[in-house]
Amino acid sequence: MWFIIGILVGALVLGLVWLMKRNNFSLAWYEWLIGAIGALMLLFTVQNYFGSLAEVEPKAASMFLLVVGLPGLVLLALAWQLAARRVKKA
């Protein structure tokens, strides 16, 4: 499963870089940083969610989704909005 997730994440990053080069668009360093932290938090959440379910701890799995997964999604949305608003200004 993690091999496939790694291939998907790599393909998504490659697609993002290719799209940015094609459209002459760049991200600021802080947008990259916020996006990377959000993505790592989401991957960490997925791993711990399935690990907790495998150990028959559904409450721990649900709490992990809430405590780590939600902030990861917020960080990804923040990075996206920062980039979108900067592009719209220019």
C-alpha atoms as a PDB file:
ATOM      1  CA  MET A   1       0.000   0.000   0.000  1.00  0.00           C
ATOM      2  CA  TRP A   2       2.749   2.483   0.889  1.00  0.00           C
ATOM      3  CA  PHE A   3       4.565   1.837  -2.360  1.00  0.00           C
ATOM      4  CA  ILE A   4       1.456   2.850  -4.298  1.00  0.00           C
ATOM      5  CA  ILE A   5       0.934   5.921  -2.078  1.00  0.00           C
ATOM      6  CA  GLY A   6       4.565   6.909  -2.693  1.00  0.00           C
ATOM      7  CA  ILE A   7       4.109   6.574  -6.442  1.00  0.00           C
ATOM      8  CA  LEU A   8       0.915   8.682  -6.297  1.00  0.00           C
ATOM      9  CA  VAL A   9       2.545  11.415  -4.207  1.00  0.00           C
ATOM     10  CA  GLY A  10       5.551  11.483  -6.535  1.00  0.00           C
ATOM     11  CA  ALA A  11       3.292  11.700  -9.591  1.00  0.00           C
ATOM     12  CA  LEU A  12       1.298  14.545  -8.006  1.00  0.00           C
ATOM     13  CA  VAL A  13       4.449  16.537  -7.199  1.00  0.00           C
ATOM     14  CA  LEU A  14       5.833  15.902 -10.681  1.00  0.00           C
ATOM     15  CA  GLY A  15       2.525  16.998 -12.214  1.00  0.00           C
ATOM     16  CA  LEU A  16       2.508  20.160 -10.098  1.00  0.00           C
ATOM     17  CA  VAL A  17       6.048  21.083 -11.126  1.00  0.00           C
ATOM     18  CA  TRP A  18       5.278  20.332 -14.788  1.00  0.00           C
ATOM     19  CA  LEU A  19       2.126  22.457 -14.659  1.00  0.00           C
ATOM     20  CA  MET A  20       3.983  25.313 -13.001  1.00  0.00           C
ATOM     21  CA  LYS A  21       6.699  25.278 -15.680  1.00  0.00           C
ATOM     22  CA  ARG A  22       4.143  25.133 -18.478  1.00  0.00           C
ATOM     23  CA  ASN A  23       2.215  28.129 -17.140  1.00  0.00           C
ATOM     24  CA  ASN A  24       5.301  30.136 -16.043  1.00  0.00           C
ATOM     25  CA  PHE A  25       4.096  30.092 -12.460  1.00  0.00           C
ATOM     26  CA  SER A  26       6.113  29.794  -9.273  1.00  0.00           C
ATOM     27  CA  LEU A  27       5.339  29.273  -5.609  1.00  0.00           C
ATOM     28  CA  ALA A  28       6.906  31.259  -2.812  1.00  0.00           C
ATOM     29  CA  TRP A  29       9.067  29.362  -0.330  1.00  0.00           C
ATOM     30  CA  TYR A  30       6.489  29.635   2.431  1.00  0.00           C
ATOM     31  CA  GLU A  31       3.775  28.191   0.165  1.00  0.00           C
ATOM     32  CA  TRP A  32       5.998  25.188  -0.519  1.00  0.00           C
ATOM     33  CA  LEU A  33       6.726  24.827   3.197  1.00  0.00           C
ATOM     34  CA  ILE A  34       3.092  25.076   4.310  1.00  0.00           C
ATOM     35  CA  GLY A  35       2.012  22.641   1.585  1.00  0.00           C
ATOM     36  CA  ALA A  36       4.747  20.141   2.436  1.00  0.00           C
ATOM     37  CA  ILE A  37       3.916  20.213   6.151  1.00  0.00           C
ATOM     38  CA  GLY A  38       0.213  19.756   5.371  1.00  0.00           C
ATOM     39  CA  ALA A  39       0.912  16.838   3.036  1.00  0.00           C
ATOM     40  CA  LEU A  40       3.201  15.160   5.575  1.00  0.00           C
ATOM     41  CA  MET A  41       0.559  15.568   8.269  1.00  0.00           C
ATOM     42  CA  LEU A  42      -2.029  13.940   5.999  1.00  0.00           C
ATOM     43  CA  LEU A  43       0.246  11.013   5.170  1.00  0.00           C
ATOM     44  CA  PHE A  44       1.008  10.615   8.890  1.00  0.00           C
ATOM     45  CA  THR A  45      -2.724  10.657   9.590  1.00  0.00           C
ATOM     46  CA  VAL A  46      -3.482   7.978   7.002  1.00  0.00           C
ATOM     47  CA  GLN A  47      -0.753   5.712   8.370  1.00  0.00           C
ATOM     48  CA  ASN A  48      -1.877   6.069  11.984  1.00  0.00           C
ATOM     49  CA  TYR A  49      -5.561   5.802  11.108  1.00  0.00           C
ATOM     50  CA  PHE A  50      -5.136   2.429   9.419  1.00  0.00           C
ATOM     51  CA  GLY A  51      -2.674   1.306  12.101  1.00  0.00           C
ATOM     52  CA  SER A  52      -5.159   2.102  14.861  1.00  0.00           C
ATOM     53  CA  LEU A  53      -7.949   0.322  13.014  1.00  0.00           C
ATOM     54  CA  ALA A  54      -5.717  -2.731  12.553  1.00  0.00           C
ATOM     55  CA  GLU A  55      -5.146  -2.778  16.318  1.00  0.00           C
ATOM     56  CA  VAL A  56      -8.918  -2.531  16.866  1.00  0.00           C
ATOM     57  CA  GLU A  57      -8.789   0.957  18.363  1.00  0.00           C
ATOM     58  CA  PRO A  58     -11.500   2.854  16.445  1.00  0.00           C
ATOM     59  CA  LYS A  59     -11.708   5.726  18.943  1.00  0.00           C
ATOM     60  CA  ALA A  60      -7.976   6.389  18.676  1.00  0.00           C
ATOM     61  CA  ALA A  61      -8.259   6.293  14.889  1.00  0.00           C
ATOM     62  CA  SER A  62     -11.095   8.808  14.924  1.00  0.00           C
ATOM     63  CA  MET A  63      -9.291  11.118  17.322  1.00  0.00           C
ATOM     64  CA  PHE A  64      -6.167  11.011  15.172  1.00  0.00           C
ATOM     65  CA  LEU A  65      -8.228  12.043  12.149  1.00  0.00           C
ATOM     66  CA  LEU A  66      -9.536  15.000  14.103  1.00  0.00           C
ATOM     67  CA  VAL A  67      -6.347  16.076  15.882  1.00  0.00           C
ATOM     68  CA  VAL A  68      -3.782  15.684  13.073  1.00  0.00           C
ATOM     69  CA  GLY A  69      -5.798  15.204   9.876  1.00  0.00           C
ATOM     70  CA  LEU A  70      -7.918  18.320  10.153  1.00  0.00           C
ATOM     71  CA  PRO A  71      -4.956  20.686  10.699  1.00  0.00           C
ATOM     72  CA  GLY A  72      -3.214  19.000   7.742  1.00  0.00           C
ATOM     73  CA  LEU A  73      -6.186  19.770   5.519  1.00  0.00           C
ATOM     74  CA  VAL A  74      -6.291  23.342   6.819  1.00  0.00           C
ATOM     75  CA  LEU A  75      -2.604  23.825   5.985  1.00  0.00           C
ATOM     76  CA  LEU A  76      -3.085  22.472   2.467  1.00  0.00           C
ATOM     77  CA  ALA A  77      -6.080  24.752   1.923  1.00  0.00           C
ATOM     78  CA  LEU A  78      -4.073  27.703   3.261  1.00  0.00           C
ATOM     79  CA  ALA A  79      -1.188  27.035   0.860  1.00  0.00           C
ATOM     80  CA  TRP A  80      -3.611  26.743  -2.048  1.00  0.00           C
ATOM     81  CA  GLN A  81      -5.411  29.979  -1.145  1.00  0.00           C
ATOM     82  CA  LEU A  82      -2.155  31.900  -0.706  1.00  0.00           C
ATOM     83  CA  ALA A  83      -1.000  30.833  -4.157  1.00  0.00           C
ATOM     84  CA  ALA A  84      -4.378  31.465  -5.777  1.00  0.00           C
ATOM     85  CA  ARG A  85      -4.718  34.962  -4.339  1.00  0.00           C
ATOM     86  CA  ARG A  86      -1.152  35.894  -5.302  1.00  0.00           C
ATOM     87  CA  VAL A  87      -1.781  34.774  -8.891  1.00  0.00           C
ATOM     88  CA  LYS A  88      -5.111  36.605  -9.033  1.00  0.00           C
ATOM     89  CA  LYS A  89      -3.409  39.844  -7.897  1.00  0.00           C
ATOM     90  CA  ALA A  90      -0.800  39.735 -10.649  1.00  0.00           C
END
